[in-house]
Amino acid sequence: MKQAIRLAALAVVGILVCGGCVQRRMIVRSNPPGAVVYIDDYEIGTTPVATNFTYYGTRKIRLVKNGYETLTVMQPVPAPWYQWTPFDFIAENLIPGKIHDTRTFDYPLVPQLVVPPEQLLERAEELRRETRAGGTLGVAPPLRAGFAPAGASVSAVPIATGSNIGSLPPSSPSP
């Protein structure tokens, strides 16, 4: 009887010592390769790149490459069933060996639209002509304290300065 208890205790200790774990790995690839990858605003490397991660959820993945549009994706990374409570305790601690959870994300990059300088200057000149021909854009210039446009009525409101900033002007009694 003592030997059976000892053997069972030894088996439990062996299971706990040889406990399992889950290795989570994320691989990011792009077409074409060579884009700099940022995951949650931390630079990881250039594609193709792999990194370990700890938590599941939505990740912000950004790919940057010269000559291509910057791609930003909110990528969901859902937890597998063995990472749901209470299965996660068993997968992390009691199952011997490692469980490998590898996620691969492939992203196509779009070539950046390059506008020729002549076309850009032509568009700027066109906007300048439209602005001059149309006069002002209907937006009044900002007013400086104590000044008003010609013909505008000005009410006597004291300007807060120094120590009286935030205090209200004294109110006049109503008739």
N, C-alpha and C. Protein backbone atom coordinates (compact mmCIF):
# COMPACT_ATOMS: atom_id res chain seq x y z
N MET A 1 0.82 -1.19 0.00
CA MET A 1 0.00 0.00 0.00
C MET A 1 0.86 1.25 0.00
N LYS A 2 1.89 1.27 0.84
CA LYS A 2 2.78 2.42 0.91
C LYS A 2 3.49 2.61 -0.42
N GLN A 3 3.84 1.52 -1.03
CA GLN A 3 4.55 1.60 -2.30
C GLN A 3 3.65 2.20 -3.39
N ALA A 4 2.36 1.89 -3.39
CA ALA A 4 1.43 2.43 -4.37
C ALA A 4 1.25 3.94 -4.18
N ILE A 5 1.18 4.38 -2.92
CA ILE A 5 1.05 5.81 -2.63
C ILE A 5 2.31 6.53 -3.05
N ARG A 6 3.44 5.92 -2.75
CA ARG A 6 4.73 6.52 -3.13
C ARG A 6 4.83 6.62 -4.66
N LEU A 7 4.42 5.58 -5.34
CA LEU A 7 4.46 5.57 -6.81
C LEU A 7 3.52 6.63 -7.39
N ALA A 8 2.33 6.78 -6.81
CA ALA A 8 1.38 7.79 -7.28
C ALA A 8 1.92 9.20 -7.04
N ALA A 9 2.53 9.41 -5.86
CA ALA A 9 3.12 10.72 -5.57
C ALA A 9 4.25 11.03 -6.54
N LEU A 10 5.06 10.03 -6.83
CA LEU A 10 6.16 10.21 -7.77
C LEU A 10 5.63 10.53 -9.17
N ALA A 11 4.54 9.91 -9.56
CA ALA A 11 3.94 10.18 -10.87
C ALA A 11 3.41 11.61 -10.94
N VAL A 12 2.77 12.08 -9.85
CA VAL A 12 2.25 13.45 -9.82
C VAL A 12 3.40 14.44 -9.90
N VAL A 13 4.47 14.20 -9.15
CA VAL A 13 5.64 15.07 -9.20
C VAL A 13 6.26 15.06 -10.60
N GLY A 14 6.33 13.89 -11.21
CA GLY A 14 6.88 13.79 -12.56
C GLY A 14 6.06 14.57 -13.57
N ILE A 15 4.74 14.50 -13.43
CA ILE A 15 3.87 15.26 -14.35
C ILE A 15 4.07 16.75 -14.14
N LEU A 16 4.16 17.19 -12.89
CA LEU A 16 4.34 18.61 -12.62
C LEU A 16 5.70 19.10 -13.08
N VAL A 17 6.74 18.29 -12.93
CA VAL A 17 8.08 18.69 -13.37
C VAL A 17 8.15 18.71 -14.89
N CYS A 18 7.54 17.76 -15.53
CA CYS A 18 7.56 17.69 -16.99
C CYS A 18 6.38 18.42 -17.59
N GLY A 19 5.82 19.35 -16.83
CA GLY A 19 4.63 20.07 -17.28
C GLY A 19 4.81 20.66 -18.65
N GLY A 20 3.71 20.79 -19.33
CA GLY A 20 3.76 21.31 -20.68
C GLY A 20 3.74 22.82 -20.72
N CYS A 21 3.74 23.31 -21.91
CA CYS A 21 3.60 24.74 -22.11
C CYS A 21 3.14 24.96 -23.54
N VAL A 22 2.67 26.16 -23.80
CA VAL A 22 2.22 26.51 -25.14
C VAL A 22 3.20 27.54 -25.69
N GLN A 23 3.79 27.22 -26.83
CA GLN A 23 4.68 28.17 -27.49
C GLN A 23 3.87 28.87 -28.58
N ARG A 24 3.69 30.18 -28.42
CA ARG A 24 2.93 30.98 -29.37
C ARG A 24 3.90 31.73 -30.28
N ARG A 25 3.70 31.59 -31.58
CA ARG A 25 4.61 32.22 -32.54
C ARG A 25 3.78 32.85 -33.65
N MET A 26 4.20 34.04 -34.08
CA MET A 26 3.52 34.76 -35.14
C MET A 26 4.53 34.99 -36.27
N ILE A 27 4.13 34.63 -37.48
CA ILE A 27 4.97 34.83 -38.66
C ILE A 27 4.26 35.84 -39.56
N VAL A 28 4.98 36.89 -39.95
CA VAL A 28 4.42 37.92 -40.83
C VAL A 28 5.22 37.92 -42.12
N ARG A 29 4.51 37.76 -43.24
CA ARG A 29 5.15 37.79 -44.56
C ARG A 29 4.47 38.84 -45.41
N SER A 30 5.22 39.38 -46.37
CA SER A 30 4.64 40.36 -47.29
C SER A 30 5.06 40.01 -48.70
N ASN A 31 4.26 40.49 -49.65
CA ASN A 31 4.61 40.34 -51.05
C ASN A 31 4.68 41.73 -51.64
N PRO A 32 5.83 42.25 -51.97
CA PRO A 32 7.17 41.67 -51.94
C PRO A 32 7.75 41.67 -50.52
N PRO A 33 8.72 40.80 -50.27
CA PRO A 33 9.35 40.75 -48.95
C PRO A 33 10.25 41.97 -48.73
N GLY A 34 10.67 42.15 -47.48
CA GLY A 34 11.58 43.24 -47.16
C GLY A 34 10.92 44.43 -46.50
N ALA A 35 9.66 44.31 -46.13
CA ALA A 35 8.97 45.41 -45.45
C ALA A 35 9.30 45.37 -43.96
N VAL A 36 9.43 46.54 -43.36
CA VAL A 36 9.66 46.63 -41.92
C VAL A 36 8.31 46.40 -41.23
N VAL A 37 8.31 45.51 -40.23
CA VAL A 37 7.07 45.14 -39.53
C VAL A 37 7.06 45.74 -38.14
N TYR A 38 5.94 46.39 -37.81
CA TYR A 38 5.70 46.91 -36.46
C TYR A 38 4.46 46.19 -35.93
N ILE A 39 4.59 45.58 -34.75
CA ILE A 39 3.44 44.95 -34.10
C ILE A 39 3.19 45.73 -32.82
N ASP A 40 1.99 46.28 -32.72
CA ASP A 40 1.61 47.14 -31.59
C ASP A 40 2.63 48.25 -31.40
N ASP A 41 3.07 48.85 -32.51
CA ASP A 41 4.00 49.98 -32.56
C ASP A 41 5.41 49.64 -32.08
N TYR A 42 5.78 48.36 -32.04
CA TYR A 42 7.16 47.94 -31.74
C TYR A 42 7.74 47.30 -32.99
N GLU A 43 8.92 47.77 -33.40
CA GLU A 43 9.55 47.21 -34.59
C GLU A 43 10.00 45.78 -34.32
N ILE A 44 9.63 44.87 -35.20
CA ILE A 44 9.95 43.45 -35.05
C ILE A 44 11.09 43.06 -35.97
N GLY A 45 11.11 43.56 -37.18
CA GLY A 45 12.13 43.20 -38.17
C GLY A 45 11.57 43.37 -39.56
N THR A 46 12.24 42.77 -40.55
CA THR A 46 11.77 42.86 -41.94
C THR A 46 11.21 41.52 -42.38
N THR A 47 10.22 41.59 -43.24
CA THR A 47 9.54 40.37 -43.69
C THR A 47 10.45 39.53 -44.57
N PRO A 48 10.33 38.22 -44.48
CA PRO A 48 9.51 37.46 -43.54
C PRO A 48 10.14 37.47 -42.14
N VAL A 49 9.30 37.63 -41.11
CA VAL A 49 9.79 37.73 -39.74
C VAL A 49 8.87 36.91 -38.83
N ALA A 50 9.48 36.33 -37.80
CA ALA A 50 8.71 35.56 -36.81
C ALA A 50 9.04 36.09 -35.43
N THR A 51 8.03 36.08 -34.56
CA THR A 51 8.21 36.53 -33.19
C THR A 51 7.29 35.74 -32.28
N ASN A 52 7.72 35.56 -31.04
CA ASN A 52 6.88 34.91 -30.04
C ASN A 52 5.91 35.95 -29.47
N PHE A 53 4.76 35.48 -29.00
CA PHE A 53 3.83 36.37 -28.34
C PHE A 53 3.20 35.65 -27.16
N THR A 54 2.67 36.42 -26.22
CA THR A 54 2.12 35.85 -24.99
C THR A 54 0.61 35.86 -24.98
N TYR A 55 0.00 36.97 -25.44
CA TYR A 55 -1.44 37.14 -25.30
C TYR A 55 -2.14 37.13 -26.64
N TYR A 56 -3.35 36.61 -26.63
CA TYR A 56 -4.20 36.62 -27.81
C TYR A 56 -5.01 37.91 -27.81
N GLY A 57 -5.63 38.21 -28.93
CA GLY A 57 -6.44 39.42 -29.05
C GLY A 57 -6.17 40.07 -30.40
N THR A 58 -6.58 41.32 -30.54
CA THR A 58 -6.38 42.05 -31.78
C THR A 58 -5.05 42.79 -31.72
N ARG A 59 -4.24 42.61 -32.75
CA ARG A 59 -2.92 43.24 -32.83
C ARG A 59 -2.89 44.24 -33.97
N LYS A 60 -2.21 45.35 -33.73
CA LYS A 60 -2.01 46.36 -34.78
C LYS A 60 -0.71 45.99 -35.50
N ILE A 61 -0.84 45.61 -36.76
CA ILE A 61 0.32 45.23 -37.57
C ILE A 61 0.48 46.27 -38.66
N ARG A 62 1.69 46.84 -38.74
CA ARG A 62 1.97 47.88 -39.75
C ARG A 62 3.19 47.43 -40.54
N LEU A 63 3.10 47.51 -41.87
CA LEU A 63 4.20 47.16 -42.77
C LEU A 63 4.60 48.40 -43.55
N VAL A 64 5.91 48.70 -43.56
CA VAL A 64 6.44 49.89 -44.21
C VAL A 64 7.55 49.46 -45.16
N LYS A 65 7.44 49.90 -46.42
CA LYS A 65 8.48 49.60 -47.41
C LYS A 65 8.54 50.76 -48.40
N ASN A 66 9.76 51.21 -48.71
CA ASN A 66 9.94 52.29 -49.68
C ASN A 66 9.34 51.89 -51.03
N GLY A 67 8.60 52.81 -51.62
CA GLY A 67 7.99 52.55 -52.92
C GLY A 67 6.63 51.89 -52.83
N TYR A 68 6.16 51.59 -51.60
CA TYR A 68 4.87 50.94 -51.40
C TYR A 68 4.07 51.70 -50.36
N GLU A 69 2.74 51.61 -50.48
CA GLU A 69 1.87 52.23 -49.49
C GLU A 69 2.07 51.54 -48.15
N THR A 70 2.07 52.32 -47.07
CA THR A 70 2.15 51.75 -45.73
C THR A 70 0.84 51.03 -45.44
N LEU A 71 0.94 49.80 -44.97
CA LEU A 71 -0.24 48.99 -44.68
C LEU A 71 -0.38 48.84 -43.17
N THR A 72 -1.55 49.23 -42.64
CA THR A 72 -1.84 49.05 -41.22
C THR A 72 -3.09 48.20 -41.10
N VAL A 73 -2.99 47.11 -40.35
CA VAL A 73 -4.09 46.15 -40.21
C VAL A 73 -4.33 45.88 -38.73
N MET A 74 -5.58 45.90 -38.33
CA MET A 74 -5.95 45.45 -36.98
C MET A 74 -6.27 43.96 -37.12
N GLN A 75 -5.29 43.13 -36.80
CA GLN A 75 -5.36 41.69 -37.05
C GLN A 75 -5.87 40.95 -35.81
N PRO A 76 -7.03 40.29 -35.91
CA PRO A 76 -7.48 39.48 -34.77
C PRO A 76 -6.65 38.20 -34.67
N VAL A 77 -6.26 37.86 -33.45
CA VAL A 77 -5.53 36.62 -33.18
C VAL A 77 -6.34 35.90 -32.09
N PRO A 78 -7.34 35.10 -32.49
CA PRO A 78 -8.20 34.47 -31.50
C PRO A 78 -7.50 33.32 -30.78
N ALA A 79 -7.89 33.10 -29.54
CA ALA A 79 -7.31 32.01 -28.74
C ALA A 79 -7.91 30.68 -29.19
N PRO A 80 -7.10 29.63 -29.29
CA PRO A 80 -7.63 28.30 -29.60
C PRO A 80 -8.38 27.73 -28.39
N TRP A 81 -9.14 26.68 -28.61
CA TRP A 81 -9.98 26.12 -27.54
C TRP A 81 -9.17 25.70 -26.33
N TYR A 82 -7.95 25.22 -26.50
CA TYR A 82 -7.16 24.76 -25.36
C TYR A 82 -6.58 25.91 -24.54
N GLN A 83 -6.86 27.16 -24.95
CA GLN A 83 -6.45 28.31 -24.16
C GLN A 83 -7.63 28.97 -23.46
N TRP A 84 -8.80 28.33 -23.52
CA TRP A 84 -9.97 28.82 -22.80
C TRP A 84 -9.92 28.26 -21.38
N THR A 85 -10.47 29.01 -20.43
CA THR A 85 -10.56 28.54 -19.05
C THR A 85 -11.56 27.39 -19.00
N PRO A 86 -11.32 26.31 -18.34
CA PRO A 86 -10.23 25.85 -17.50
C PRO A 86 -9.20 25.02 -18.25
N PHE A 87 -9.40 24.87 -19.60
CA PHE A 87 -8.48 24.04 -20.37
C PHE A 87 -7.07 24.63 -20.40
N ASP A 88 -6.95 25.95 -20.27
CA ASP A 88 -5.64 26.58 -20.34
C ASP A 88 -4.72 26.12 -19.21
N PHE A 89 -5.26 25.89 -18.03
CA PHE A 89 -4.43 25.41 -16.92
C PHE A 89 -3.86 24.03 -17.25
N ILE A 90 -4.69 23.17 -17.81
CA ILE A 90 -4.24 21.82 -18.16
C ILE A 90 -3.19 21.89 -19.26
N ALA A 91 -3.43 22.70 -20.30
CA ALA A 91 -2.49 22.80 -21.42
C ALA A 91 -1.16 23.41 -20.99
N GLU A 92 -1.20 24.37 -20.08
CA GLU A 92 0.03 25.06 -19.66
C GLU A 92 0.81 24.28 -18.62
N ASN A 93 0.14 23.44 -17.81
CA ASN A 93 0.83 22.86 -16.66
C ASN A 93 0.85 21.34 -16.60
N LEU A 94 -0.15 20.67 -17.12
CA LEU A 94 -0.25 19.24 -16.89
C LEU A 94 0.07 18.36 -18.08
N ILE A 95 -0.13 18.85 -19.27
CA ILE A 95 0.16 18.04 -20.46
C ILE A 95 1.66 18.07 -20.70
N PRO A 96 2.31 16.90 -20.72
CA PRO A 96 3.76 16.90 -20.96
C PRO A 96 4.08 17.30 -22.40
N GLY A 97 5.19 17.96 -22.57
CA GLY A 97 5.61 18.40 -23.90
C GLY A 97 5.11 19.79 -24.20
N LYS A 98 5.43 20.25 -25.39
CA LYS A 98 5.05 21.59 -25.81
C LYS A 98 3.93 21.53 -26.83
N ILE A 99 3.06 22.52 -26.74
CA ILE A 99 2.03 22.72 -27.76
C ILE A 99 2.48 23.93 -28.57
N HIS A 100 2.60 23.76 -29.87
CA HIS A 100 3.05 24.85 -30.74
C HIS A 100 1.83 25.48 -31.41
N ASP A 101 1.66 26.78 -31.19
CA ASP A 101 0.59 27.55 -31.82
C ASP A 101 1.25 28.59 -32.72
N THR A 102 1.30 28.32 -34.01
CA THR A 102 1.95 29.22 -34.97
C THR A 102 0.90 29.85 -35.86
N ARG A 103 0.92 31.17 -35.91
CA ARG A 103 -0.01 31.92 -36.76
C ARG A 103 0.80 32.58 -37.87
N THR A 104 0.36 32.44 -39.10
CA THR A 104 1.04 33.04 -40.25
C THR A 104 0.10 34.04 -40.91
N PHE A 105 0.63 35.25 -41.13
CA PHE A 105 -0.14 36.30 -41.77
C PHE A 105 0.60 36.76 -43.02
N ASP A 106 -0.09 36.72 -44.16
CA ASP A 106 0.46 37.15 -45.45
C ASP A 106 -0.26 38.41 -45.88
N TYR A 107 0.53 39.43 -46.26
CA TYR A 107 -0.05 40.70 -46.68
C TYR A 107 0.54 41.13 -48.02
N PRO A 108 -0.31 41.47 -49.00
CA PRO A 108 0.19 42.04 -50.25
C PRO A 108 0.39 43.54 -50.09
N LEU A 109 1.48 44.07 -50.58
CA LEU A 109 1.74 45.50 -50.53
C LEU A 109 1.38 46.12 -51.88
N VAL A 110 0.80 47.33 -51.83
CA VAL A 110 0.37 48.03 -53.03
C VAL A 110 1.44 49.06 -53.39
N PRO A 111 1.89 49.07 -54.66
CA PRO A 111 2.88 50.08 -55.05
C PRO A 111 2.36 51.50 -54.80
N GLN A 112 3.27 52.36 -54.36
CA GLN A 112 2.91 53.74 -54.06
C GLN A 112 2.70 54.51 -55.36
N LEU A 113 1.65 55.31 -55.40
CA LEU A 113 1.35 56.13 -56.56
C LEU A 113 2.30 57.33 -56.54
N VAL A 114 3.13 57.44 -57.55
CA VAL A 114 4.09 58.54 -57.63
C VAL A 114 3.55 59.57 -58.61
N VAL A 115 3.31 60.77 -58.11
CA VAL A 115 2.80 61.85 -58.94
C VAL A 115 4.00 62.61 -59.51
N PRO A 116 4.07 62.76 -60.83
CA PRO A 116 5.19 63.50 -61.42
C PRO A 116 5.19 64.95 -60.90
N PRO A 117 6.38 65.53 -60.68
CA PRO A 117 6.47 66.90 -60.15
C PRO A 117 5.74 67.92 -61.02
N GLU A 118 5.75 67.73 -62.34
CA GLU A 118 5.07 68.66 -63.22
C GLU A 118 3.56 68.67 -62.94
N GLN A 119 2.97 67.50 -62.75
CA GLN A 119 1.54 67.40 -62.48
C GLN A 119 1.22 68.02 -61.12
N LEU A 120 2.08 67.83 -60.13
CA LEU A 120 1.88 68.40 -58.81
C LEU A 120 1.93 69.93 -58.86
N LEU A 121 2.91 70.49 -59.59
CA LEU A 121 3.00 71.94 -59.72
C LEU A 121 1.80 72.51 -60.49
N GLU A 122 1.34 71.79 -61.51
CA GLU A 122 0.19 72.23 -62.28
C GLU A 122 -1.06 72.28 -61.38
N ARG A 123 -1.23 71.30 -60.53
CA ARG A 123 -2.38 71.28 -59.61
C ARG A 123 -2.28 72.42 -58.59
N ALA A 124 -1.08 72.73 -58.12
CA ALA A 124 -0.89 73.83 -57.18
C ALA A 124 -1.24 75.16 -57.83
N GLU A 125 -0.79 75.36 -59.07
CA GLU A 125 -1.11 76.60 -59.78
C GLU A 125 -2.61 76.72 -60.02
N GLU A 126 -3.27 75.61 -60.33
CA GLU A 126 -4.72 75.62 -60.55
C GLU A 126 -5.44 76.03 -59.26
N LEU A 127 -5.02 75.50 -58.14
CA LEU A 127 -5.63 75.89 -56.86
C LEU A 127 -5.38 77.36 -56.55
N ARG A 128 -4.19 77.85 -56.87
CA ARG A 128 -3.87 79.26 -56.64
C ARG A 128 -4.79 80.15 -57.50
N ARG A 129 -4.98 79.80 -58.79
CA ARG A 129 -5.85 80.58 -59.67
C ARG A 129 -7.29 80.57 -59.16
N GLU A 130 -7.78 79.42 -58.72
CA GLU A 130 -9.15 79.33 -58.21
C GLU A 130 -9.32 80.20 -56.98
N THR A 131 -8.34 80.23 -56.10
CA THR A 131 -8.42 81.03 -54.88
C THR A 131 -8.42 82.51 -55.20
N ARG A 132 -7.56 82.93 -56.13
CA ARG A 132 -7.51 84.35 -56.50
C ARG A 132 -8.77 84.78 -57.25
N ALA A 133 -9.30 83.94 -58.10
CA ALA A 133 -10.48 84.28 -58.88
C ALA A 133 -11.72 84.34 -57.99
N GLY A 134 -11.78 83.47 -57.01
CA GLY A 134 -12.95 83.42 -56.15
C GLY A 134 -12.88 84.38 -54.99
N GLY A 135 -11.83 85.14 -54.85
CA GLY A 135 -11.67 86.04 -53.70
C GLY A 135 -11.33 85.23 -52.47
N THR A 136 -11.90 85.64 -51.36
CA THR A 136 -11.63 84.92 -50.13
C THR A 136 -12.48 83.67 -50.07
N LEU A 137 -12.14 82.79 -49.20
CA LEU A 137 -12.85 81.54 -49.08
C LEU A 137 -14.05 81.65 -48.15
N GLY A 138 -14.37 82.86 -47.69
CA GLY A 138 -15.51 83.03 -46.81
C GLY A 138 -15.19 82.82 -45.34
N VAL A 139 -13.94 82.67 -45.02
CA VAL A 139 -13.53 82.49 -43.63
C VAL A 139 -12.96 83.81 -43.15
N ALA A 140 -13.49 84.32 -42.07
CA ALA A 140 -13.02 85.60 -41.53
C ALA A 140 -11.67 85.40 -40.87
N PRO A 141 -10.79 86.41 -41.00
CA PRO A 141 -9.49 86.29 -40.33
C PRO A 141 -9.69 86.37 -38.83
N PRO A 142 -8.78 85.77 -38.05
CA PRO A 142 -8.93 85.82 -36.60
C PRO A 142 -8.79 87.26 -36.10
N LEU A 143 -9.57 87.58 -35.08
CA LEU A 143 -9.56 88.93 -34.52
C LEU A 143 -8.56 89.01 -33.39
N ARG A 144 -7.91 90.16 -33.30
CA ARG A 144 -7.04 90.42 -32.15
C ARG A 144 -7.86 91.13 -31.10
N ALA A 145 -7.48 90.99 -29.87
CA ALA A 145 -8.21 91.62 -28.77
C ALA A 145 -8.21 93.13 -28.95
N GLY A 146 -9.38 93.74 -28.81
CA GLY A 146 -9.50 95.19 -28.89
C GLY A 146 -9.73 95.71 -30.29
N PHE A 147 -9.77 94.84 -31.30
CA PHE A 147 -9.96 95.30 -32.68
C PHE A 147 -11.19 94.62 -33.26
N ALA A 148 -11.86 95.29 -34.14
CA ALA A 148 -13.03 94.73 -34.82
C ALA A 148 -13.00 95.21 -36.26
N PRO A 149 -13.60 94.46 -37.16
CA PRO A 149 -13.66 94.88 -38.56
C PRO A 149 -14.45 96.17 -38.68
N ALA A 150 -14.17 96.92 -39.74
CA ALA A 150 -14.87 98.19 -39.97
C ALA A 150 -16.35 97.94 -40.09
N GLY A 151 -17.16 98.76 -39.44
CA GLY A 151 -18.61 98.65 -39.51
C GLY A 151 -19.21 97.69 -38.50
N ALA A 152 -18.39 96.98 -37.74
CA ALA A 152 -18.93 96.04 -36.75
C ALA A 152 -19.20 96.77 -35.46
N SER A 153 -20.30 96.42 -34.82
CA SER A 153 -20.59 97.04 -33.52
C SER A 153 -19.83 96.28 -32.45
N VAL A 154 -19.28 97.04 -31.52
CA VAL A 154 -18.47 96.44 -30.48
C VAL A 154 -19.15 96.71 -29.15
N SER A 155 -19.40 95.66 -28.38
CA SER A 155 -19.96 95.85 -27.05
C SER A 155 -18.82 96.01 -26.07
N ALA A 156 -19.08 96.67 -24.99
CA ALA A 156 -18.04 96.93 -23.99
C ALA A 156 -17.92 95.74 -23.06
N VAL A 157 -17.05 94.83 -23.40
CA VAL A 157 -16.77 93.66 -22.55
C VAL A 157 -15.31 93.75 -22.15
N PRO A 158 -15.05 93.78 -20.85
CA PRO A 158 -13.65 93.89 -20.44
C PRO A 158 -12.88 92.64 -20.84
N ILE A 159 -11.62 92.81 -21.16
CA ILE A 159 -10.74 91.71 -21.53
C ILE A 159 -10.03 91.24 -20.27
N ALA A 160 -10.07 89.94 -20.02
CA ALA A 160 -9.44 89.39 -18.82
C ALA A 160 -7.93 89.39 -18.99
N THR A 161 -7.26 89.98 -18.06
CA THR A 161 -5.80 89.97 -18.07
C THR A 161 -5.29 89.74 -16.67
N GLY A 162 -4.13 89.20 -16.58
CA GLY A 162 -3.44 89.07 -15.29
C GLY A 162 -4.25 88.34 -14.24
N SER A 163 -4.50 89.01 -13.11
CA SER A 163 -5.11 88.35 -11.96
C SER A 163 -6.61 88.14 -12.09
N ASN A 164 -7.27 88.86 -13.02
CA ASN A 164 -8.72 88.68 -13.10
C ASN A 164 -9.14 87.68 -14.17
N ILE A 165 -8.19 86.88 -14.68
CA ILE A 165 -8.54 85.85 -15.66
C ILE A 165 -9.41 84.82 -14.97
N GLY A 166 -10.49 84.50 -15.57
CA GLY A 166 -11.40 83.51 -15.02
C GLY A 166 -12.48 84.11 -14.15
N SER A 167 -12.37 85.38 -13.79
CA SER A 167 -13.43 86.00 -12.99
C SER A 167 -14.39 86.71 -13.92
N LEU A 168 -15.63 86.79 -13.51
CA LEU A 168 -16.64 87.42 -14.33
C LEU A 168 -16.65 88.92 -14.09
N PRO A 169 -16.98 89.71 -15.11
CA PRO A 169 -17.10 91.16 -14.87
C PRO A 169 -18.29 91.42 -13.96
N PRO A 170 -18.23 92.51 -13.19
CA PRO A 170 -19.38 92.77 -12.29
C PRO A 170 -20.62 93.02 -13.11
N SER A 171 -21.73 92.45 -12.65
CA SER A 171 -22.98 92.61 -13.40
C SER A 171 -23.67 93.90 -12.94
N SER A 172 -24.32 94.55 -13.88
CA SER A 172 -25.04 95.78 -13.55
C SER A 172 -26.43 95.40 -13.08
N PRO A 173 -26.97 96.13 -12.13
CA PRO A 173 -28.30 95.78 -11.62
C PRO A 173 -29.35 95.95 -12.71
N SER A 174 -30.32 95.09 -12.71
CA SER A 174 -31.41 95.15 -13.68
C SER A 174 -32.43 96.17 -13.23
N PRO A 175 -33.02 96.98 -14.16
CA PRO A 175 -34.03 97.97 -13.78
C PRO A 175 -35.33 97.36 -13.40
